[in-house]
Amino acid sequence: MKNDELTTAYLKKAKVRLEALSFYRERGAYSDVVREAQELVELLLKGVLRAIGVEVPKVHDVSRALENNRDLLPSDLVTELDEVKRISKRLRKERELAFYGAEDFVPTEEYDLNDADLAIKEAEFIYKIVSKSFQENS
């Protein structure tokens, strides 16, 4: 994996976003936790794709690109790839609802502490596995 300036910036941005999740959680902004967790996961996984030299797709869930390039991924990431893809897909499904809502779905009323805690747990998992992959390949 190649760790260029932009990829390094992705990791730094992701770390700040991870810290920001607690800020939103503490204020009861649970839908914002979910939305920001999705963006954090997307940023990290797109950083991985950049680092392995794969063109980054302009979609919010890059699970397919990760799977298609499994042989280029660091071993720790390959070991956890099914879980990484599951998290990315789940958060992608929540993305628009958490931010915009819908006529019958008000994000500030629909998301709760359990949703926020799950999103944080998943974001932390992705951050940990991606950060470890970069450290081992530096």
C-alpha atoms as a PDB file:
ATOM      1  CA  MET A   1       0.000   0.000   0.000  1.00  0.00           C
ATOM      2  CA  LYS A   2       1.219   3.458  -0.844  1.00  0.00           C
ATOM      3  CA  ASN A   3       0.664   6.154   1.730  1.00  0.00           C
ATOM      4  CA  ASP A   4       0.734   9.447  -0.227  1.00  0.00           C
ATOM      5  CA  GLU A   5      -0.242  12.912   1.021  1.00  0.00           C
ATOM      6  CA  LEU A   6      -3.893  12.609   0.078  1.00  0.00           C
ATOM      7  CA  THR A   7      -4.251   9.202   1.706  1.00  0.00           C
ATOM      8  CA  THR A   8      -2.575  10.541   4.838  1.00  0.00           C
ATOM      9  CA  ALA A   9      -5.035  13.441   4.796  1.00  0.00           C
ATOM     10  CA  TYR A  10      -7.933  10.959   4.600  1.00  0.00           C
ATOM     11  CA  LEU A  11      -6.652   9.200   7.714  1.00  0.00           C
ATOM     12  CA  LYS A  12      -6.272  12.482   9.597  1.00  0.00           C
ATOM     13  CA  LYS A  13      -9.756  13.614   8.596  1.00  0.00           C
ATOM     14  CA  ALA A  14     -11.191  10.262   9.640  1.00  0.00           C
ATOM     15  CA  LYS A  15      -9.577  10.510  13.065  1.00  0.00           C
ATOM     16  CA  VAL A  16     -11.108  13.940  13.655  1.00  0.00           C
ATOM     17  CA  ARG A  17     -14.506  12.704  12.479  1.00  0.00           C
ATOM     18  CA  LEU A  18     -14.247   9.738  14.833  1.00  0.00           C
ATOM     19  CA  GLU A  19     -13.668  12.106  17.735  1.00  0.00           C
ATOM     20  CA  ALA A  20     -16.583  14.280  16.560  1.00  0.00           C
ATOM     21  CA  LEU A  21     -18.988  11.331  16.841  1.00  0.00           C
ATOM     22  CA  SER A  22     -18.797  11.571  20.636  1.00  0.00           C
ATOM     23  CA  PHE A  23     -19.628  15.279  20.448  1.00  0.00           C
ATOM     24  CA  TYR A  24     -22.818  14.548  18.507  1.00  0.00           C
ATOM     25  CA  ARG A  25     -23.689  11.585  20.735  1.00  0.00           C
ATOM     26  CA  GLU A  26     -23.337  13.609  23.937  1.00  0.00           C
ATOM     27  CA  ARG A  27     -25.764  16.183  22.562  1.00  0.00           C
ATOM     28  CA  GLY A  28     -28.363  13.634  21.512  1.00  0.00           C
ATOM     29  CA  ALA A  29     -27.756  14.276  17.808  1.00  0.00           C
ATOM     30  CA  TYR A  30     -28.014  10.580  17.023  1.00  0.00           C
ATOM     31  CA  SER A  31     -28.884  10.951  13.342  1.00  0.00           C
ATOM     32  CA  ASP A  32     -25.754  13.087  12.922  1.00  0.00           C
ATOM     33  CA  VAL A  33     -23.686  10.321  14.511  1.00  0.00           C
ATOM     34  CA  VAL A  34     -25.020   7.867  11.930  1.00  0.00           C
ATOM     35  CA  ARG A  35     -24.434  10.226   9.006  1.00  0.00           C
ATOM     36  CA  GLU A  36     -20.924  11.208  10.088  1.00  0.00           C
ATOM     37  CA  ALA A  37     -20.007   7.575  10.792  1.00  0.00           C
ATOM     38  CA  GLN A  38     -20.992   6.699   7.227  1.00  0.00           C
ATOM     39  CA  GLU A  39     -18.845   9.479   5.805  1.00  0.00           C
ATOM     40  CA  LEU A  40     -15.913   8.448   7.992  1.00  0.00           C
ATOM     41  CA  VAL A  41     -16.161   4.820   6.821  1.00  0.00           C
ATOM     42  CA  GLU A  42     -16.472   5.904   3.196  1.00  0.00           C
ATOM     43  CA  LEU A  43     -13.405   8.141   3.491  1.00  0.00           C
ATOM     44  CA  LEU A  44     -11.309   5.386   5.073  1.00  0.00           C
ATOM     45  CA  LEU A  45     -12.264   2.762   2.529  1.00  0.00           C
ATOM     46  CA  LYS A  46     -11.663   5.120  -0.380  1.00  0.00           C
ATOM     47  CA  GLY A  47      -8.259   5.811   1.152  1.00  0.00           C
ATOM     48  CA  VAL A  48      -7.520   2.094   1.057  1.00  0.00           C
ATOM     49  CA  LEU A  49      -8.483   1.917  -2.606  1.00  0.00           C
ATOM     50  CA  ARG A  50      -6.222   4.882  -3.402  1.00  0.00           C
ATOM     51  CA  ALA A  51      -3.381   3.286  -1.480  1.00  0.00           C
ATOM     52  CA  ILE A  52      -3.575   0.049  -3.467  1.00  0.00           C
ATOM     53  CA  GLY A  53      -3.686   1.951  -6.742  1.00  0.00           C
ATOM     54  CA  VAL A  54      -7.320   1.351  -7.631  1.00  0.00           C
ATOM     55  CA  GLU A  55      -9.454   4.073  -9.161  1.00  0.00           C
ATOM     56  CA  VAL A  56     -11.871   5.203  -6.478  1.00  0.00           C
ATOM     57  CA  PRO A  57     -15.498   4.818  -7.574  1.00  0.00           C
ATOM     58  CA  LYS A  58     -17.820   7.771  -7.115  1.00  0.00           C
ATOM     59  CA  VAL A  59     -20.270   5.860  -4.945  1.00  0.00           C
ATOM     60  CA  HIS A  60     -20.842   5.902  -1.207  1.00  0.00           C
ATOM     61  CA  ASP A  61     -20.360   2.160  -0.649  1.00  0.00           C
ATOM     62  CA  VAL A  62     -17.134   0.813  -2.130  1.00  0.00           C
ATOM     63  CA  SER A  63     -17.661  -2.788  -1.003  1.00  0.00           C
ATOM     64  CA  ARG A  64     -17.747  -4.085  -4.567  1.00  0.00           C
ATOM     65  CA  ALA A  65     -14.451  -2.374  -5.426  1.00  0.00           C
ATOM     66  CA  LEU A  66     -12.846  -3.814  -2.291  1.00  0.00           C
ATOM     67  CA  GLU A  67     -14.060  -7.304  -3.152  1.00  0.00           C
ATOM     68  CA  ASN A  68     -12.934  -6.991  -6.774  1.00  0.00           C
ATOM     69  CA  ASN A  69      -9.452  -6.050  -5.563  1.00  0.00           C
ATOM     70  CA  ARG A  70      -9.234  -8.430  -2.616  1.00  0.00           C
ATOM     71  CA  ASP A  71      -5.858  -9.742  -3.802  1.00  0.00           C
ATOM     72  CA  LEU A  72      -4.329  -6.245  -3.442  1.00  0.00           C
ATOM     73  CA  LEU A  73      -5.624  -5.582   0.075  1.00  0.00           C
ATOM     74  CA  PRO A  74      -3.512  -5.981   3.231  1.00  0.00           C
ATOM     75  CA  SER A  75      -4.012  -9.351   4.916  1.00  0.00           C
ATOM     76  CA  ASP A  76      -5.673  -7.905   8.050  1.00  0.00           C
ATOM     77  CA  LEU A  77      -8.241  -6.169   5.892  1.00  0.00           C
ATOM     78  CA  VAL A  78      -8.872  -9.312   3.849  1.00  0.00           C
ATOM     79  CA  THR A  79      -9.447 -11.261   7.068  1.00  0.00           C
ATOM     80  CA  GLU A  80     -12.153  -8.773   8.105  1.00  0.00           C
ATOM     81  CA  LEU A  81     -13.450  -7.980   4.614  1.00  0.00           C
ATOM     82  CA  ASP A  82     -16.897  -9.515   5.089  1.00  0.00           C
ATOM     83  CA  GLU A  83     -17.473  -7.403   8.200  1.00  0.00           C
ATOM     84  CA  VAL A  84     -16.025  -4.296   6.523  1.00  0.00           C
ATOM     85  CA  LYS A  85     -18.398  -4.732   3.580  1.00  0.00           C
ATOM     86  CA  ARG A  86     -21.380  -5.369   5.866  1.00  0.00           C
ATOM     87  CA  ILE A  87     -20.707  -2.166   7.799  1.00  0.00           C
ATOM     88  CA  SER A  88     -20.171  -0.095   4.669  1.00  0.00           C
ATOM     89  CA  LYS A  89     -23.407  -1.341   3.118  1.00  0.00           C
ATOM     90  CA  ARG A  90     -25.441  -0.846   6.291  1.00  0.00           C
ATOM     91  CA  LEU A  91     -24.264   2.703   6.840  1.00  0.00           C
ATOM     92  CA  ARG A  92     -24.749   3.512   3.153  1.00  0.00           C
ATOM     93  CA  LYS A  93     -28.400   2.528   3.491  1.00  0.00           C
ATOM     94  CA  GLU A  94     -28.773   4.938   6.416  1.00  0.00           C
ATOM     95  CA  ARG A  95     -26.940   7.831   4.735  1.00  0.00           C
ATOM     96  CA  GLU A  96     -29.765   9.859   3.204  1.00  0.00           C
ATOM     97  CA  LEU A  97     -32.371   9.083   5.838  1.00  0.00           C
ATOM     98  CA  ALA A  98     -30.019  10.130   8.625  1.00  0.00           C
ATOM     99  CA  PHE A  99     -29.352  13.442   6.924  1.00  0.00           C
ATOM    100  CA  TYR A 100     -32.469  14.417   5.004  1.00  0.00           C
ATOM    101  CA  GLY A 101     -35.177  12.173   6.395  1.00  0.00           C
ATOM    102  CA  ALA A 102     -38.424  11.699   4.493  1.00  0.00           C
ATOM    103  CA  GLU A 103     -42.074  12.725   4.802  1.00  0.00           C
ATOM    104  CA  ASP A 104     -42.664   9.838   7.175  1.00  0.00           C
ATOM    105  CA  PHE A 105     -39.176   9.726   8.711  1.00  0.00           C
ATOM    106  CA  VAL A 106     -37.843  12.588  10.844  1.00  0.00           C
ATOM    107  CA  PRO A 107     -34.189  11.765  11.606  1.00  0.00           C
ATOM    108  CA  THR A 108     -34.080  13.556  14.961  1.00  0.00           C
ATOM    109  CA  GLU A 109     -37.022  11.468  16.121  1.00  0.00           C
ATOM    110  CA  GLU A 110     -36.195   8.135  14.507  1.00  0.00           C
ATOM    111  CA  TYR A 111     -32.581   7.602  15.534  1.00  0.00           C
ATOM    112  CA  ASP A 112     -31.758   6.823  19.142  1.00  0.00           C
ATOM    113  CA  LEU A 113     -28.802   6.146  21.412  1.00  0.00           C
ATOM    114  CA  ASN A 114     -28.584   2.517  20.293  1.00  0.00           C
ATOM    115  CA  ASP A 115     -28.309   3.600  16.650  1.00  0.00           C
ATOM    116  CA  ALA A 116     -25.589   6.093  17.552  1.00  0.00           C
ATOM    117  CA  ASP A 117     -23.644   3.582  19.624  1.00  0.00           C
ATOM    118  CA  LEU A 118     -23.778   0.991  16.847  1.00  0.00           C
ATOM    119  CA  ALA A 119     -22.567   3.525  14.278  1.00  0.00           C
ATOM    120  CA  ILE A 120     -19.697   4.561  16.558  1.00  0.00           C
ATOM    121  CA  LYS A 121     -18.731   0.948  17.200  1.00  0.00           C
ATOM    122  CA  GLU A 122     -18.710   0.208  13.473  1.00  0.00           C
ATOM    123  CA  ALA A 123     -16.747   3.361  12.611  1.00  0.00           C
ATOM    124  CA  GLU A 124     -14.176   2.551  15.305  1.00  0.00           C
ATOM    125  CA  PHE A 125     -13.803  -0.964  13.911  1.00  0.00           C
ATOM    126  CA  ILE A 126     -13.168   0.308  10.377  1.00  0.00           C
ATOM    127  CA  TYR A 127     -10.793   3.010  11.624  1.00  0.00           C
ATOM    128  CA  LYS A 128      -8.808   0.477  13.643  1.00  0.00           C
ATOM    129  CA  ILE A 129      -8.446  -2.072  10.838  1.00  0.00           C
ATOM    130  CA  VAL A 130      -7.568   0.538   8.197  1.00  0.00           C
ATOM    131  CA  SER A 131      -5.110   2.391  10.452  1.00  0.00           C
ATOM    132  CA  LYS A 132      -3.409  -0.891  11.309  1.00  0.00           C
ATOM    133  CA  SER A 133      -3.116  -1.750   7.623  1.00  0.00           C
ATOM    134  CA  PHE A 134      -1.398   1.550   6.908  1.00  0.00           C
ATOM    135  CA  GLN A 135       0.961   1.235   9.870  1.00  0.00           C
ATOM    136  CA  GLU A 136       2.053  -2.233   8.824  1.00  0.00           C
ATOM    137  CA  ASN A 137       2.663  -1.107   5.249  1.00  0.00           C
ATOM    138  CA  SER A 138       4.514   2.144   6.022  1.00  0.00           C
END
